[in-house]
Amino acid sequence: VMTGPGVPKGKRVEELVEIVDVMPTLLEMTGLPVPKGNQGLALMPLIEGAGGRDVIYMQGINNRTVRSADAMYSIYMNGEELLFDLQKDPHQLRNVATTATALRDKMRHRLMLKVMQARDPLPERIRPY
């Protein structure tokens, strides 16, 4: 939810964003420079119709998660994996981590890329992947 100069009232954007996108957005809106090394993306271009992120990354104390438009994948420190096919199961009621192996492997790969970008250590279970 955003409001301020240049933000149309009632505008709804369905793109994927991360919490790290808030800081560069606020800095851009106030005309201040975004520091080098910032991992966030300013959100104003989304309001103007630009595309967002393909995948978002979330870190919990005991898990790492990636979400795309079509799937959400989490791995926990105890090795448990959750995978939801958001096209078939938008309410995330059926974990398909053991049956949708191609989708799981695709999301694992996306998680690995995000982990490397964030320089975040992986849960032990997925290290040999």
C-alpha atoms as a PDB file:
ATOM      1  CA  VAL A   1       0.000   0.000   0.000  1.00  0.00           C
ATOM      2  CA  MET A   2       1.481   3.293  -1.078  1.00  0.00           C
ATOM      3  CA  THR A   3       0.374   6.893  -1.155  1.00  0.00           C
ATOM      4  CA  GLY A   4       2.112  10.121  -2.011  1.00  0.00           C
ATOM      5  CA  PRO A   5       3.078  12.365  -4.908  1.00  0.00           C
ATOM      6  CA  GLY A   6       2.891  10.550  -8.234  1.00  0.00           C
ATOM      7  CA  VAL A   7       0.921   7.594  -6.820  1.00  0.00           C
ATOM      8  CA  PRO A   8      -2.525   7.433  -8.447  1.00  0.00           C
ATOM      9  CA  LYS A   9      -5.369   7.011  -5.947  1.00  0.00           C
ATOM     10  CA  GLY A  10      -6.936   3.540  -6.122  1.00  0.00           C
ATOM     11  CA  LYS A  11      -4.242   2.109  -8.440  1.00  0.00           C
ATOM     12  CA  ARG A  12      -3.695  -1.631  -7.911  1.00  0.00           C
ATOM     13  CA  VAL A  13      -0.540  -3.426  -9.066  1.00  0.00           C
ATOM     14  CA  GLU A  14      -0.294  -7.238  -9.023  1.00  0.00           C
ATOM     15  CA  GLU A  15       3.493  -7.569  -9.357  1.00  0.00           C
ATOM     16  CA  LEU A  16       5.791  -9.436  -6.966  1.00  0.00           C
ATOM     17  CA  VAL A  17       7.836  -7.182  -4.672  1.00  0.00           C
ATOM     18  CA  GLU A  18      10.175  -7.659  -1.720  1.00  0.00           C
ATOM     19  CA  ILE A  19      10.574  -5.708   1.507  1.00  0.00           C
ATOM     20  CA  VAL A  20      13.999  -4.533   0.276  1.00  0.00           C
ATOM     21  CA  ASP A  21      12.135  -2.575  -2.440  1.00  0.00           C
ATOM     22  CA  VAL A  22      10.674  -0.123   0.099  1.00  0.00           C
ATOM     23  CA  MET A  23      13.872   1.817   0.816  1.00  0.00           C
ATOM     24  CA  PRO A  24      14.833   2.616  -2.804  1.00  0.00           C
ATOM     25  CA  THR A  25      11.200   3.499  -3.519  1.00  0.00           C
ATOM     26  CA  LEU A  26      11.046   6.023  -0.676  1.00  0.00           C
ATOM     27  CA  LEU A  27      14.436   7.468  -1.599  1.00  0.00           C
ATOM     28  CA  GLU A  28      13.394   7.820  -5.239  1.00  0.00           C
ATOM     29  CA  MET A  29      10.094   9.460  -4.252  1.00  0.00           C
ATOM     30  CA  THR A  30      11.954  12.020  -2.127  1.00  0.00           C
ATOM     31  CA  GLY A  31      14.655  12.668  -4.725  1.00  0.00           C
ATOM     32  CA  LEU A  32      17.467  11.220  -2.618  1.00  0.00           C
ATOM     33  CA  PRO A  33      20.142   8.939  -4.111  1.00  0.00           C
ATOM     34  CA  VAL A  34      19.902   5.182  -3.663  1.00  0.00           C
ATOM     35  CA  PRO A  35      23.139   3.827  -2.136  1.00  0.00           C
ATOM     36  CA  LYS A  36      25.356   1.490  -4.153  1.00  0.00           C
ATOM     37  CA  GLY A  37      24.954  -2.166  -3.242  1.00  0.00           C
ATOM     38  CA  ASN A  38      21.242  -1.798  -2.561  1.00  0.00           C
ATOM     39  CA  GLN A  39      19.385  -5.009  -3.492  1.00  0.00           C
ATOM     40  CA  GLY A  40      15.952  -3.402  -3.725  1.00  0.00           C
ATOM     41  CA  LEU A  41      14.150  -2.086  -6.791  1.00  0.00           C
ATOM     42  CA  ALA A  42      12.197   1.163  -6.798  1.00  0.00           C
ATOM     43  CA  LEU A  43       8.472   0.449  -7.173  1.00  0.00           C
ATOM     44  CA  MET A  44       7.370   3.601  -9.003  1.00  0.00           C
ATOM     45  CA  PRO A  45       8.026   2.015 -12.433  1.00  0.00           C
ATOM     46  CA  LEU A  46       5.483  -0.713 -11.515  1.00  0.00           C
ATOM     47  CA  ILE A  47       2.834   1.930 -10.951  1.00  0.00           C
ATOM     48  CA  GLU A  48       3.634   3.236 -14.421  1.00  0.00           C
ATOM     49  CA  GLY A  49       3.172  -0.236 -15.965  1.00  0.00           C
ATOM     50  CA  ALA A  50       6.652  -1.818 -15.868  1.00  0.00           C
ATOM     51  CA  GLY A  51       7.051  -5.483 -14.972  1.00  0.00           C
ATOM     52  CA  GLY A  52       8.168  -6.603 -11.539  1.00  0.00           C
ATOM     53  CA  ARG A  53      10.324  -9.404 -10.228  1.00  0.00           C
ATOM     54  CA  ASP A  54      10.055 -12.945 -11.599  1.00  0.00           C
ATOM     55  CA  VAL A  55      10.804 -14.412  -8.172  1.00  0.00           C
ATOM     56  CA  ILE A  56      10.790 -13.039  -4.644  1.00  0.00           C
ATOM     57  CA  TYR A  57      12.880 -14.374  -1.779  1.00  0.00           C
ATOM     58  CA  MET A  58      12.010 -14.573   1.901  1.00  0.00           C
ATOM     59  CA  GLN A  59      14.135 -15.620   4.867  1.00  0.00           C
ATOM     60  CA  GLY A  60      12.737 -16.940   8.092  1.00  0.00           C
ATOM     61  CA  ILE A  61      14.587 -18.069  11.200  1.00  0.00           C
ATOM     62  CA  ASN A  62      14.149 -21.718  10.174  1.00  0.00           C
ATOM     63  CA  ASN A  63      13.366 -21.565   6.478  1.00  0.00           C
ATOM     64  CA  ARG A  64      14.053 -20.016   3.094  1.00  0.00           C
ATOM     65  CA  THR A  65      11.266 -19.391   0.573  1.00  0.00           C
ATOM     66  CA  VAL A  66      10.938 -18.348  -3.055  1.00  0.00           C
ATOM     67  CA  ARG A  67       7.700 -17.371  -4.749  1.00  0.00           C
ATOM     68  CA  SER A  68       6.942 -16.837  -8.403  1.00  0.00           C
ATOM     69  CA  ALA A  69       3.643 -16.163 -10.130  1.00  0.00           C
ATOM     70  CA  ASP A  70       3.077 -19.909 -10.497  1.00  0.00           C
ATOM     71  CA  ALA A  71       4.643 -21.533  -7.412  1.00  0.00           C
ATOM     72  CA  MET A  72       5.861 -21.111  -3.854  1.00  0.00           C
ATOM     73  CA  TYR A  73       8.690 -23.269  -2.486  1.00  0.00           C
ATOM     74  CA  SER A  74      10.081 -23.405   1.069  1.00  0.00           C
ATOM     75  CA  ILE A  75      12.782 -25.482   2.681  1.00  0.00           C
ATOM     76  CA  TYR A  76      13.111 -25.698   6.453  1.00  0.00           C
ATOM     77  CA  MET A  77      16.241 -26.312   8.502  1.00  0.00           C
ATOM     78  CA  ASN A  78      14.947 -29.789   9.387  1.00  0.00           C
ATOM     79  CA  GLY A  79      14.854 -30.695   5.654  1.00  0.00           C
ATOM     80  CA  GLU A  80      11.085 -30.411   5.216  1.00  0.00           C
ATOM     81  CA  GLU A  81      10.079 -28.986   1.855  1.00  0.00           C
ATOM     82  CA  LEU A  82       6.826 -27.298   0.902  1.00  0.00           C
ATOM     83  CA  LEU A  83       5.801 -26.669  -2.685  1.00  0.00           C
ATOM     84  CA  PHE A  84       2.516 -25.177  -3.813  1.00  0.00           C
ATOM     85  CA  ASP A  85       1.442 -24.980  -7.441  1.00  0.00           C
ATOM     86  CA  LEU A  86      -0.311 -21.615  -7.304  1.00  0.00           C
ATOM     87  CA  GLN A  87      -1.981 -22.115 -10.683  1.00  0.00           C
ATOM     88  CA  LYS A  88      -3.808 -25.257  -9.489  1.00  0.00           C
ATOM     89  CA  ASP A  89      -3.865 -24.488  -5.752  1.00  0.00           C
ATOM     90  CA  PRO A  90      -3.930 -20.703  -5.151  1.00  0.00           C
ATOM     91  CA  HIS A  91      -4.937 -21.158  -1.496  1.00  0.00           C
ATOM     92  CA  GLN A  92      -1.861 -23.333  -0.805  1.00  0.00           C
ATOM     93  CA  LEU A  93      -3.728 -26.304   0.610  1.00  0.00           C
ATOM     94  CA  ARG A  94      -1.822 -29.169  -1.092  1.00  0.00           C
ATOM     95  CA  ASN A  95       1.921 -29.644  -0.659  1.00  0.00           C
ATOM     96  CA  VAL A  96       3.215 -31.186  -3.912  1.00  0.00           C
ATOM     97  CA  ALA A  97       6.940 -31.225  -3.043  1.00  0.00           C
ATOM     98  CA  THR A  98       7.167 -35.008  -3.418  1.00  0.00           C
ATOM     99  CA  THR A  99       4.998 -35.359  -6.543  1.00  0.00           C
ATOM    100  CA  ALA A 100       5.677 -32.313  -8.748  1.00  0.00           C
ATOM    101  CA  THR A 101       9.412 -32.990  -9.010  1.00  0.00           C
ATOM    102  CA  ALA A 102      10.046 -30.901 -12.148  1.00  0.00           C
ATOM    103  CA  LEU A 103       8.411 -27.842 -10.560  1.00  0.00           C
ATOM    104  CA  ARG A 104      10.225 -28.541  -7.278  1.00  0.00           C
ATOM    105  CA  ASP A 105      13.594 -28.732  -9.033  1.00  0.00           C
ATOM    106  CA  LYS A 106      12.880 -25.500 -10.931  1.00  0.00           C
ATOM    107  CA  MET A 107      11.988 -23.698  -7.690  1.00  0.00           C
ATOM    108  CA  ARG A 108      15.006 -25.185  -5.879  1.00  0.00           C
ATOM    109  CA  HIS A 109      17.196 -23.744  -8.621  1.00  0.00           C
ATOM    110  CA  ARG A 110      15.520 -20.355  -8.271  1.00  0.00           C
ATOM    111  CA  LEU A 111      16.066 -20.519  -4.507  1.00  0.00           C
ATOM    112  CA  MET A 112      19.755 -21.308  -4.995  1.00  0.00           C
ATOM    113  CA  LEU A 113      20.169 -18.262  -7.244  1.00  0.00           C
ATOM    114  CA  LYS A 114      18.444 -15.993  -4.721  1.00  0.00           C
ATOM    115  CA  VAL A 115      20.502 -17.409  -1.844  1.00  0.00           C
ATOM    116  CA  MET A 116      23.696 -16.671  -3.769  1.00  0.00           C
ATOM    117  CA  GLN A 117      22.537 -13.140  -4.563  1.00  0.00           C
ATOM    118  CA  ALA A 118      21.712 -12.518  -0.895  1.00  0.00           C
ATOM    119  CA  ARG A 119      24.825 -14.379   0.317  1.00  0.00           C
ATOM    120  CA  ASP A 120      22.617 -16.297   2.709  1.00  0.00           C
ATOM    121  CA  PRO A 121      23.664 -19.761   3.981  1.00  0.00           C
ATOM    122  CA  LEU A 122      21.398 -22.603   2.937  1.00  0.00           C
ATOM    123  CA  PRO A 123      19.780 -25.150   5.217  1.00  0.00           C
ATOM    124  CA  GLU A 124      22.053 -28.210   5.558  1.00  0.00           C
ATOM    125  CA  ARG A 125      19.670 -30.570   3.753  1.00  0.00           C
ATOM    126  CA  ILE A 126      19.853 -28.792   0.397  1.00  0.00           C
ATOM    127  CA  ARG A 127      23.637 -28.207   0.334  1.00  0.00           C
ATOM    128  CA  PRO A 128      24.471 -31.219  -1.895  1.00  0.00           C
ATOM    129  CA  TYR A 129      21.912 -30.093  -4.516  1.00  0.00           C
END
